[in-house]
């Protein structure tokens, strides 16, 4: 049995590439909020 996609059973993380003060490439992680997930799931 397949579950329906909802904001309570999925997690999305974005990684933004940045360069730190010493010039090294790194990334900043951000987890989407429940409200942001609700909007994305509703669009699917």
PDB file of N, CA and C in Angstrom:
ATOM      1  N   UNK A   1       0.846  -1.182   0.000  1.00  0.00           N
ATOM      2  CA  UNK A   1       0.000   0.000   0.000  1.00  0.00           C
ATOM      3  C   UNK A   1       0.891   1.244   0.000  1.00  0.00           C
ATOM      4  N   UNK A   2       0.569   2.189  -0.840  1.00  0.00           N
ATOM      5  CA  UNK A   2       1.360   3.411  -0.937  1.00  0.00           C
ATOM      6  C   UNK A   2       0.774   4.505  -0.052  1.00  0.00           C
ATOM      7  N   UNK A   3       1.666   5.267   0.564  1.00  0.00           N
ATOM      8  CA  UNK A   3       1.226   6.400   1.368  1.00  0.00           C
ATOM      9  C   UNK A   3       1.086   7.628   0.493  1.00  0.00           C
ATOM     10  N   UNK A   4       0.174   8.504   0.874  1.00  0.00           N
ATOM     11  CA  UNK A   4       0.053   9.779   0.172  1.00  0.00           C
ATOM     12  C   UNK A   4       1.174  10.701   0.635  1.00  0.00           C
ATOM     13  N   UNK A   5       1.617  11.541  -0.276  1.00  0.00           N
ATOM     14  CA  UNK A   5       2.683  12.485   0.033  1.00  0.00           C
ATOM     15  C   UNK A   5       2.112  13.636   0.852  1.00  0.00           C
ATOM     16  N   UNK A   6       2.661  13.838   2.048  1.00  0.00           N
ATOM     17  CA  UNK A   6       2.242  14.941   2.919  1.00  0.00           C
ATOM     18  C   UNK A   6       3.481  15.568   3.549  1.00  0.00           C
ATOM     19  N   UNK A   7       3.280  16.718   4.155  1.00  0.00           N
ATOM     20  CA  UNK A   7       4.407  17.395   4.802  1.00  0.00           C
ATOM     21  C   UNK A   7       4.883  16.654   6.051  1.00  0.00           C
ATOM     22  N   UNK A   8       4.092  15.686   6.534  1.00  0.00           N
ATOM     23  CA  UNK A   8       4.518  14.939   7.720  1.00  0.00           C
ATOM     24  C   UNK A   8       5.328  13.689   7.374  1.00  0.00           C
ATOM     25  N   UNK A   9       5.363  13.292   6.089  1.00  0.00           N
ATOM     26  CA  UNK A   9       6.141  12.101   5.746  1.00  0.00           C
ATOM     27  C   UNK A   9       7.219  12.365   4.692  1.00  0.00           C
ATOM     28  N   UNK A  10       7.582  13.636   4.513  1.00  0.00           N
ATOM     29  CA  UNK A  10       8.653  13.990   3.589  1.00  0.00           C
ATOM     30  C   UNK A  10       9.469  15.128   4.198  1.00  0.00           C
ATOM     31  N   UNK A  11      10.730  15.191   3.827  1.00  0.00           N
ATOM     32  CA  UNK A  11      11.605  16.256   4.319  1.00  0.00           C
ATOM     33  C   UNK A  11      12.448  16.743   3.142  1.00  0.00           C
ATOM     34  N   UNK A  12      12.585  18.052   2.999  1.00  0.00           N
ATOM     35  CA  UNK A  12      13.382  18.625   1.918  1.00  0.00           C
ATOM     36  C   UNK A  12      14.407  19.575   2.522  1.00  0.00           C
ATOM     37  N   UNK A  13      15.645  19.415   2.071  1.00  0.00           N
ATOM     38  CA  UNK A  13      16.736  20.267   2.525  1.00  0.00           C
ATOM     39  C   UNK A  13      17.395  20.872   1.297  1.00  0.00           C
ATOM     40  N   UNK A  14      17.670  22.172   1.353  1.00  0.00           N
ATOM     41  CA  UNK A  14      18.394  22.822   0.263  1.00  0.00           C
ATOM     42  C   UNK A  14      19.825  23.089   0.719  1.00  0.00           C
ATOM     43  N   UNK A  15      20.733  23.039  -0.233  1.00  0.00           N
ATOM     44  CA  UNK A  15      22.136  23.329   0.047  1.00  0.00           C
ATOM     45  C   UNK A  15      22.550  24.479  -0.855  1.00  0.00           C
ATOM     46  N   UNK A  16      22.914  25.611  -0.238  1.00  0.00           N
ATOM     47  CA  UNK A  16      23.330  26.785  -0.994  1.00  0.00           C
ATOM     48  C   UNK A  16      24.853  26.861  -0.977  1.00  0.00           C
ATOM     49  N   UNK A  17      25.478  26.816  -2.154  1.00  0.00           N
ATOM     50  CA  UNK A  17      26.943  26.912  -2.177  1.00  0.00           C
ATOM     51  C   UNK A  17      27.397  28.318  -1.794  1.00  0.00           C
ATOM     52  N   UNK A  18      28.382  28.387  -0.913  1.00  0.00           N
ATOM     53  CA  UNK A  18      28.951  29.674  -0.503  1.00  0.00           C
ATOM     54  C   UNK A  18      30.468  29.528  -0.409  1.00  0.00           C
ATOM     55  N   UNK A  19      31.151  30.642  -0.340  1.00  0.00           N
ATOM     56  CA  UNK A  19      32.598  30.663  -0.136  1.00  0.00           C
ATOM     57  C   UNK A  19      32.843  31.329   1.213  1.00  0.00           C
ATOM     58  N   UNK A  20      33.566  30.627   2.096  1.00  0.00           N
ATOM     59  CA  UNK A  20      33.801  31.203   3.420  1.00  0.00           C
ATOM     60  C   UNK A  20      34.892  32.268   3.372  1.00  0.00           C
ATOM     61  N   UNK A  21      35.179  32.855   4.525  1.00  0.00           N
ATOM     62  CA  UNK A  21      36.117  33.982   4.582  1.00  0.00           C
ATOM     63  C   UNK A  21      37.542  33.604   4.183  1.00  0.00           C
ATOM     64  N   UNK A  22      37.886  32.326   4.238  1.00  0.00           N
ATOM     65  CA  UNK A  22      39.228  31.905   3.816  1.00  0.00           C
ATOM     66  C   UNK A  22      39.269  31.474   2.350  1.00  0.00           C
ATOM     67  N   UNK A  23      38.150  31.626   1.647  1.00  0.00           N
ATOM     68  CA  UNK A  23      38.107  31.312   0.227  1.00  0.00           C
ATOM     69  C   UNK A  23      37.732  29.879  -0.110  1.00  0.00           C
ATOM     70  N   UNK A  24      37.412  29.081   0.911  1.00  0.00           N
ATOM     71  CA  UNK A  24      37.024  27.692   0.667  1.00  0.00           C
ATOM     72  C   UNK A  24      35.561  27.605   0.259  1.00  0.00           C
ATOM     73  N   UNK A  25      35.274  26.724  -0.695  1.00  0.00           N
ATOM     74  CA  UNK A  25      33.889  26.488  -1.087  1.00  0.00           C
ATOM     75  C   UNK A  25      33.248  25.584  -0.046  1.00  0.00           C
ATOM     76  N   UNK A  26      32.067  25.959   0.393  1.00  0.00           N
ATOM     77  CA  UNK A  26      31.325  25.186   1.381  1.00  0.00           C
ATOM     78  C   UNK A  26      29.841  25.319   1.060  1.00  0.00           C
ATOM     79  N   UNK A  27      28.987  24.867   1.929  1.00  0.00           N
ATOM     80  CA  UNK A  27      27.561  24.961   1.677  1.00  0.00           C
ATOM     81  C   UNK A  27      26.793  25.296   2.933  1.00  0.00           C
ATOM     82  N   UNK A  28      25.640  25.912   2.745  1.00  0.00           N
ATOM     83  CA  UNK A  28      24.756  26.237   3.857  1.00  0.00           C
ATOM     84  C   UNK A  28      23.492  25.398   3.689  1.00  0.00           C
ATOM     85  N   UNK A  29      23.160  24.612   4.706  1.00  0.00           N
ATOM     86  CA  UNK A  29      22.000  23.744   4.661  1.00  0.00           C
ATOM     87  C   UNK A  29      20.797  24.447   5.271  1.00  0.00           C
ATOM     88  N   UNK A  30      19.639  24.316   4.605  1.00  0.00           N
ATOM     89  CA  UNK A  30      18.390  24.854   5.148  1.00  0.00           C
ATOM     90  C   UNK A  30      17.292  23.822   4.972  1.00  0.00           C
ATOM     91  N   UNK A  31      16.595  23.521   6.059  1.00  0.00           N
ATOM     92  CA  UNK A  31      15.471  22.595   6.013  1.00  0.00           C
ATOM     93  C   UNK A  31      14.188  23.394   5.805  1.00  0.00           C
ATOM     94  N   UNK A  32      13.352  22.951   4.863  1.00  0.00           N
ATOM     95  CA  UNK A  32      12.093  23.642   4.613  1.00  0.00           C
ATOM     96  C   UNK A  32      11.158  23.460   5.803  1.00  0.00           C
ATOM     97  N   UNK A  33      10.388  24.497   6.108  1.00  0.00           N
ATOM     98  CA  UNK A  33       9.435  24.436   7.211  1.00  0.00           C
ATOM     99  C   UNK A  33       8.209  23.631   6.791  1.00  0.00           C
ATOM    100  N   UNK A  34       7.393  23.264   7.758  1.00  0.00           N
ATOM    101  CA  UNK A  34       6.159  22.527   7.465  1.00  0.00           C
ATOM    102  C   UNK A  34       5.262  23.333   6.535  1.00  0.00           C
ATOM    103  N   UNK A  35       5.204  24.632   6.738  1.00  0.00           N
ATOM    104  CA  UNK A  35       4.369  25.487   5.895  1.00  0.00           C
ATOM    105  C   UNK A  35       4.878  25.497   4.450  1.00  0.00           C
ATOM    106  N   UNK A  36       6.196  25.574   4.271  1.00  0.00           N
ATOM    107  CA  UNK A  36       6.773  25.542   2.924  1.00  0.00           C
ATOM    108  C   UNK A  36       6.511  24.191   2.258  1.00  0.00           C
ATOM    109  N   UNK A  37       6.615  23.107   3.030  1.00  0.00           N
ATOM    110  CA  UNK A  37       6.328  21.780   2.488  1.00  0.00           C
ATOM    111  C   UNK A  37       4.865  21.652   2.087  1.00  0.00           C
ATOM    112  N   UNK A  38       3.957  22.201   2.905  1.00  0.00           N
ATOM    113  CA  UNK A  38       2.528  22.152   2.575  1.00  0.00           C
ATOM    114  C   UNK A  38       2.260  22.786   1.217  1.00  0.00           C
ATOM    115  N   UNK A  39       2.900  23.910   0.938  1.00  0.00           N
ATOM    116  CA  UNK A  39       2.719  24.601  -0.344  1.00  0.00           C
ATOM    117  C   UNK A  39       3.245  23.740  -1.488  1.00  0.00           C
ATOM    118  N   UNK A  40       4.426  23.172  -1.316  1.00  0.00           N
ATOM    119  CA  UNK A  40       5.014  22.338  -2.366  1.00  0.00           C
ATOM    120  C   UNK A  40       4.182  21.087  -2.631  1.00  0.00           C
ATOM    121  N   UNK A  41       3.730  20.427  -1.577  1.00  0.00           N
ATOM    122  CA  UNK A  41       2.935  19.208  -1.735  1.00  0.00           C
ATOM    123  C   UNK A  41       1.602  19.531  -2.401  1.00  0.00           C
ATOM    124  N   UNK A  42       1.006  20.655  -2.065  1.00  0.00           N
ATOM    125  CA  UNK A  42      -0.273  21.042  -2.674  1.00  0.00           C
ATOM    126  C   UNK A  42      -0.129  21.272  -4.173  1.00  0.00           C
ATOM    127  N   UNK A  43       1.047  21.725  -4.614  1.00  0.00           N
ATOM    128  CA  UNK A  43       1.286  21.963  -6.042  1.00  0.00           C
ATOM    129  C   UNK A  43       1.462  20.675  -6.834  1.00  0.00           C
ATOM    130  N   UNK A  44       1.779  19.571  -6.165  1.00  0.00           N
ATOM    131  CA  UNK A  44       2.024  18.306  -6.881  1.00  0.00           C
ATOM    132  C   UNK A  44       0.759  17.638  -7.287  1.00  0.00           C
TER     133      UNK A  44
END
